[in-house]
């Protein structure tokens, strides 16, 4: 029997040819544009996604819930992870985060 999913992944389209530093800076600008701050930067599942960059985004330090984002340059993937157990604000905010990221990458792609 298949395991029940505990989260949904929302993939962001990345333009070709961007450097890792450009993508990281765009992710950070998009967080600010969406009214969020970065509470953590690290890596995600070092065994499964070696060399990945992983962020936690929050609206307020006293508020429960966060949005995860991971960039893995090996496959040129960037995705948001939305846990089903997160508060409603996270689920409502995820599409805005994706739009903010798309705007940042569109500007970089020129």
N, C-alpha and C. Protein backbone atom coordinates (compact mmCIF):
# COMPACT_ATOMS: atom_id res chain seq x y z
N UNK A 1 0.84 -1.17 0.00
CA UNK A 1 0.00 0.00 0.00
C UNK A 1 0.89 1.24 0.00
N UNK A 2 0.52 2.23 -0.82
CA UNK A 2 1.31 3.45 -0.94
C UNK A 2 1.17 4.31 0.31
N UNK A 3 2.26 4.96 0.65
CA UNK A 3 2.26 5.89 1.77
C UNK A 3 1.43 7.11 1.43
N UNK A 4 0.68 7.61 2.40
CA UNK A 4 -0.10 8.83 2.16
C UNK A 4 0.85 10.03 2.14
N UNK A 5 0.66 10.89 1.12
CA UNK A 5 1.50 12.09 1.01
C UNK A 5 1.18 13.04 2.16
N UNK A 6 2.24 13.64 2.70
CA UNK A 6 2.08 14.59 3.79
C UNK A 6 2.28 16.02 3.34
N UNK A 7 2.63 16.18 2.05
CA UNK A 7 2.87 17.53 1.54
C UNK A 7 2.63 17.54 0.03
N UNK A 8 2.55 18.76 -0.50
CA UNK A 8 2.47 18.96 -1.94
C UNK A 8 3.67 19.77 -2.38
N UNK A 9 4.22 19.42 -3.54
CA UNK A 9 5.34 20.16 -4.10
C UNK A 9 4.81 21.05 -5.22
N UNK A 10 5.24 22.30 -5.20
CA UNK A 10 4.86 23.28 -6.22
C UNK A 10 6.16 23.68 -6.93
N UNK A 11 6.30 23.26 -8.18
CA UNK A 11 7.54 23.52 -8.92
C UNK A 11 7.51 24.89 -9.58
N UNK A 12 8.65 25.54 -9.59
CA UNK A 12 8.81 26.87 -10.18
C UNK A 12 9.65 26.69 -11.45
N UNK A 13 9.21 27.31 -12.55
CA UNK A 13 9.97 27.24 -13.80
C UNK A 13 11.19 28.14 -13.70
N UNK A 14 12.35 27.56 -13.97
CA UNK A 14 13.60 28.33 -13.94
C UNK A 14 14.07 28.58 -15.36
N UNK A 15 14.47 29.82 -15.65
CA UNK A 15 15.07 30.08 -16.97
C UNK A 15 16.42 29.36 -17.06
N UNK A 16 16.80 28.99 -18.23
CA UNK A 16 18.10 28.31 -18.44
C UNK A 16 19.24 29.31 -18.30
N UNK A 17 20.37 28.81 -17.85
CA UNK A 17 21.59 29.60 -17.85
C UNK A 17 21.82 30.51 -16.66
N UNK A 18 20.99 30.42 -15.62
CA UNK A 18 21.20 31.26 -14.44
C UNK A 18 22.20 30.59 -13.51
N UNK A 19 23.04 31.39 -12.91
CA UNK A 19 24.00 30.88 -11.92
C UNK A 19 23.29 30.64 -10.60
N UNK A 20 23.84 29.75 -9.82
CA UNK A 20 23.29 29.43 -8.50
C UNK A 20 23.09 30.69 -7.66
N UNK A 21 24.07 31.60 -7.69
CA UNK A 21 23.99 32.83 -6.91
C UNK A 21 22.81 33.70 -7.36
N UNK A 22 22.54 33.75 -8.66
CA UNK A 22 21.40 34.51 -9.18
C UNK A 22 20.09 33.93 -8.68
N UNK A 23 20.00 32.63 -8.68
CA UNK A 23 18.77 31.97 -8.22
C UNK A 23 18.57 32.21 -6.74
N UNK A 24 19.62 32.07 -5.96
CA UNK A 24 19.50 32.28 -4.51
C UNK A 24 19.09 33.72 -4.21
N UNK A 25 19.68 34.69 -4.89
CA UNK A 25 19.32 36.09 -4.67
C UNK A 25 17.88 36.35 -5.08
N UNK A 26 17.42 35.75 -6.18
CA UNK A 26 16.04 35.92 -6.63
C UNK A 26 15.06 35.34 -5.63
N UNK A 27 15.39 34.19 -5.05
CA UNK A 27 14.52 33.56 -4.05
C UNK A 27 14.40 34.49 -2.84
N UNK A 28 15.49 35.09 -2.43
CA UNK A 28 15.47 35.98 -1.27
C UNK A 28 14.69 37.26 -1.57
N UNK A 29 14.83 37.82 -2.78
CA UNK A 29 14.04 39.00 -3.16
C UNK A 29 12.54 38.69 -3.22
N UNK A 30 12.23 37.51 -3.74
CA UNK A 30 10.82 37.10 -3.85
C UNK A 30 10.19 36.93 -2.47
N UNK A 31 10.97 36.46 -1.51
CA UNK A 31 10.44 36.33 -0.14
C UNK A 31 10.04 37.69 0.39
N UNK A 32 10.92 38.66 0.21
CA UNK A 32 10.63 40.02 0.67
C UNK A 32 9.41 40.59 -0.05
N UNK A 33 9.33 40.37 -1.36
CA UNK A 33 8.20 40.88 -2.15
C UNK A 33 6.88 40.25 -1.71
N UNK A 34 6.94 39.02 -1.19
CA UNK A 34 5.73 38.33 -0.74
C UNK A 34 5.44 38.59 0.73
N UNK A 35 6.21 39.50 1.36
CA UNK A 35 5.98 39.84 2.76
C UNK A 35 6.42 38.76 3.74
N UNK A 36 7.48 38.04 3.39
CA UNK A 36 7.97 36.97 4.25
C UNK A 36 9.45 37.20 4.55
N UNK A 37 9.93 36.51 5.57
CA UNK A 37 11.36 36.56 5.86
C UNK A 37 11.89 35.13 5.91
N UNK A 38 13.19 35.00 5.77
CA UNK A 38 13.84 33.69 5.78
C UNK A 38 14.26 33.39 7.21
N UNK A 39 13.70 32.32 7.77
CA UNK A 39 14.04 31.94 9.14
C UNK A 39 15.15 30.90 9.20
N UNK A 40 15.45 30.29 8.05
CA UNK A 40 16.47 29.24 8.02
C UNK A 40 16.96 29.04 6.59
N UNK A 41 18.26 28.87 6.44
CA UNK A 41 18.85 28.46 5.16
C UNK A 41 19.78 27.29 5.48
N UNK A 42 19.62 26.21 4.74
CA UNK A 42 20.46 25.03 4.95
C UNK A 42 20.44 24.18 3.70
N UNK A 43 20.43 22.87 3.90
CA UNK A 43 20.31 21.96 2.77
C UNK A 43 19.17 21.00 3.07
N UNK A 44 18.71 20.31 2.03
CA UNK A 44 17.57 19.42 2.17
C UNK A 44 18.00 18.01 1.82
N UNK A 45 17.80 17.09 2.71
CA UNK A 45 18.10 15.68 2.50
C UNK A 45 19.44 15.51 1.77
N UNK A 46 20.50 15.69 2.48
CA UNK A 46 21.84 15.66 1.89
C UNK A 46 22.12 14.39 1.09
N UNK A 47 21.47 13.29 1.47
CA UNK A 47 21.68 12.03 0.76
C UNK A 47 20.90 12.02 -0.56
N UNK A 48 19.66 12.50 -0.52
CA UNK A 48 18.80 12.46 -1.71
C UNK A 48 19.05 13.64 -2.65
N UNK A 49 19.35 14.82 -2.08
CA UNK A 49 19.57 16.04 -2.88
C UNK A 49 20.89 16.69 -2.48
N UNK A 50 22.02 16.05 -2.75
CA UNK A 50 23.31 16.61 -2.32
C UNK A 50 23.57 17.98 -2.95
N UNK A 51 24.03 18.89 -2.13
CA UNK A 51 24.36 20.23 -2.60
C UNK A 51 23.16 21.15 -2.75
N UNK A 52 22.00 20.70 -2.30
CA UNK A 52 20.81 21.54 -2.43
C UNK A 52 20.84 22.69 -1.43
N UNK A 53 20.03 23.72 -1.72
CA UNK A 53 19.84 24.83 -0.80
C UNK A 53 18.37 24.79 -0.39
N UNK A 54 18.13 24.93 0.91
CA UNK A 54 16.78 24.80 1.45
C UNK A 54 16.48 26.00 2.35
N UNK A 55 15.32 26.63 2.13
CA UNK A 55 14.91 27.80 2.90
C UNK A 55 13.63 27.52 3.66
N UNK A 56 13.47 28.18 4.79
CA UNK A 56 12.19 28.24 5.50
C UNK A 56 11.73 29.69 5.45
N UNK A 57 10.51 29.91 5.00
CA UNK A 57 9.93 31.25 4.91
C UNK A 57 8.78 31.38 5.89
N UNK A 58 8.78 32.48 6.62
CA UNK A 58 7.73 32.74 7.60
C UNK A 58 7.20 34.16 7.41
N UNK A 59 5.99 34.37 7.90
CA UNK A 59 5.42 35.73 7.89
C UNK A 59 5.78 36.46 9.17
N UNK A 60 5.75 35.75 10.29
CA UNK A 60 5.95 36.36 11.60
C UNK A 60 6.60 35.33 12.51
N UNK A 61 7.57 35.75 13.31
CA UNK A 61 8.29 34.80 14.16
C UNK A 61 7.41 34.18 15.23
N UNK A 62 6.32 34.85 15.59
CA UNK A 62 5.42 34.33 16.63
C UNK A 62 4.29 33.49 16.07
N UNK A 63 4.25 33.34 14.76
CA UNK A 63 3.15 32.64 14.11
C UNK A 63 3.58 31.22 13.73
N UNK A 64 2.67 30.28 13.90
CA UNK A 64 2.93 28.89 13.53
C UNK A 64 2.87 28.76 12.01
N UNK A 65 3.73 27.92 11.47
CA UNK A 65 3.69 27.61 10.05
C UNK A 65 4.84 28.21 9.27
N UNK A 66 5.17 27.56 8.14
CA UNK A 66 6.22 28.04 7.25
C UNK A 66 6.06 27.41 5.89
N UNK A 67 6.71 28.03 4.91
CA UNK A 67 6.79 27.47 3.57
C UNK A 67 8.25 27.09 3.34
N UNK A 68 8.46 25.88 2.86
CA UNK A 68 9.80 25.42 2.52
C UNK A 68 10.04 25.66 1.03
N UNK A 69 11.28 25.94 0.68
CA UNK A 69 11.68 25.99 -0.73
C UNK A 69 13.02 25.29 -0.83
N UNK A 70 13.21 24.59 -1.93
CA UNK A 70 14.48 23.89 -2.16
C UNK A 70 14.93 24.13 -3.59
N UNK A 71 16.21 24.44 -3.74
CA UNK A 71 16.82 24.56 -5.05
C UNK A 71 17.89 23.48 -5.15
N UNK A 72 17.81 22.69 -6.21
CA UNK A 72 18.79 21.63 -6.44
C UNK A 72 19.37 21.83 -7.83
N UNK A 73 20.60 22.33 -7.89
CA UNK A 73 21.20 22.68 -9.18
C UNK A 73 21.55 21.47 -10.05
N UNK A 74 21.69 20.30 -9.47
CA UNK A 74 22.02 19.12 -10.24
C UNK A 74 20.95 18.87 -11.31
N UNK A 75 19.70 19.07 -10.96
CA UNK A 75 18.58 18.87 -11.89
C UNK A 75 17.92 20.19 -12.28
N UNK A 76 18.50 21.32 -11.84
CA UNK A 76 17.93 22.65 -12.09
C UNK A 76 16.46 22.70 -11.67
N UNK A 77 16.22 22.30 -10.43
CA UNK A 77 14.87 22.29 -9.87
C UNK A 77 14.75 23.28 -8.72
N UNK A 78 13.61 23.95 -8.67
CA UNK A 78 13.25 24.79 -7.53
C UNK A 78 11.80 24.47 -7.21
N UNK A 79 11.54 24.12 -5.96
CA UNK A 79 10.17 23.82 -5.60
C UNK A 79 9.85 24.30 -4.19
N UNK A 80 8.57 24.57 -4.00
CA UNK A 80 8.02 24.90 -2.69
C UNK A 80 7.39 23.62 -2.15
N UNK A 81 7.53 23.38 -0.87
CA UNK A 81 6.90 22.23 -0.25
C UNK A 81 5.89 22.74 0.76
N UNK A 82 4.64 22.33 0.58
CA UNK A 82 3.56 22.77 1.45
C UNK A 82 3.04 21.54 2.20
N UNK A 83 3.33 21.47 3.49
CA UNK A 83 2.85 20.35 4.30
C UNK A 83 1.34 20.48 4.51
N UNK A 84 0.65 19.38 4.41
CA UNK A 84 -0.80 19.39 4.61
C UNK A 84 -1.18 19.87 6.01
N UNK A 85 -0.30 19.66 6.98
CA UNK A 85 -0.59 20.02 8.37
C UNK A 85 -0.34 21.50 8.68
N UNK A 86 0.16 22.26 7.71
CA UNK A 86 0.45 23.68 7.95
C UNK A 86 -0.86 24.46 8.10
N UNK A 87 -0.79 25.60 8.80
CA UNK A 87 -1.97 26.44 8.96
C UNK A 87 -2.48 26.97 7.61
N UNK A 88 -3.70 27.43 7.60
CA UNK A 88 -4.35 27.88 6.37
C UNK A 88 -3.58 29.00 5.67
N UNK A 89 -2.94 29.90 6.42
CA UNK A 89 -2.23 31.01 5.78
C UNK A 89 -1.14 30.49 4.84
N UNK A 90 -0.52 29.37 5.18
CA UNK A 90 0.53 28.81 4.33
C UNK A 90 -0.05 28.37 2.99
N UNK A 91 -1.18 27.70 3.03
CA UNK A 91 -1.82 27.22 1.81
C UNK A 91 -2.30 28.39 0.93
N UNK A 92 -2.77 29.45 1.57
CA UNK A 92 -3.21 30.63 0.81
C UNK A 92 -2.02 31.39 0.24
N UNK A 93 -0.90 31.39 0.95
CA UNK A 93 0.26 32.18 0.55
C UNK A 93 1.11 31.50 -0.52
N UNK A 94 1.07 30.19 -0.62
CA UNK A 94 1.93 29.46 -1.57
C UNK A 94 1.79 29.94 -3.01
N UNK A 95 0.57 30.16 -3.54
CA UNK A 95 0.48 30.67 -4.91
C UNK A 95 1.12 32.05 -5.08
N UNK A 96 1.02 32.90 -4.05
CA UNK A 96 1.66 34.23 -4.12
C UNK A 96 3.18 34.09 -4.13
N UNK A 97 3.69 33.13 -3.36
CA UNK A 97 5.15 32.90 -3.35
C UNK A 97 5.60 32.47 -4.74
N UNK A 98 4.85 31.56 -5.37
CA UNK A 98 5.22 31.10 -6.70
C UNK A 98 5.17 32.25 -7.69
N UNK A 99 4.15 33.11 -7.62
CA UNK A 99 4.05 34.27 -8.52
C UNK A 99 5.22 35.22 -8.31
N UNK A 100 5.59 35.48 -7.06
CA UNK A 100 6.72 36.36 -6.76
C UNK A 100 8.01 35.77 -7.33
N UNK A 101 8.18 34.47 -7.21
CA UNK A 101 9.36 33.81 -7.78
C UNK A 101 9.36 33.91 -9.30
N UNK A 102 8.21 33.65 -9.92
CA UNK A 102 8.12 33.75 -11.37
C UNK A 102 8.46 35.15 -11.88
N UNK A 103 8.02 36.19 -11.15
CA UNK A 103 8.35 37.57 -11.53
C UNK A 103 9.85 37.82 -11.46
N UNK A 104 10.46 37.34 -10.39
CA UNK A 104 11.92 37.52 -10.22
C UNK A 104 12.68 36.84 -11.36
N UNK A 105 12.28 35.61 -11.70
CA UNK A 105 13.00 34.89 -12.75
C UNK A 105 12.72 35.46 -14.13
N UNK A 106 11.52 35.97 -14.35
CA UNK A 106 11.20 36.61 -15.63
C UNK A 106 12.07 37.84 -15.82
N UNK A 107 12.28 38.60 -14.75
CA UNK A 107 13.12 39.80 -14.82
C UNK A 107 14.57 39.41 -15.13
N UNK A 108 15.04 38.31 -14.57
CA UNK A 108 16.42 37.87 -14.82
C UNK A 108 16.58 37.35 -16.24
N UNK A 109 15.54 36.72 -16.76
CA UNK A 109 15.60 36.14 -18.10
C UNK A 109 15.57 37.23 -19.17
N UNK A 110 15.07 38.42 -18.76
CA UNK A 110 15.08 39.59 -19.63
C UNK A 110 14.09 39.52 -20.69
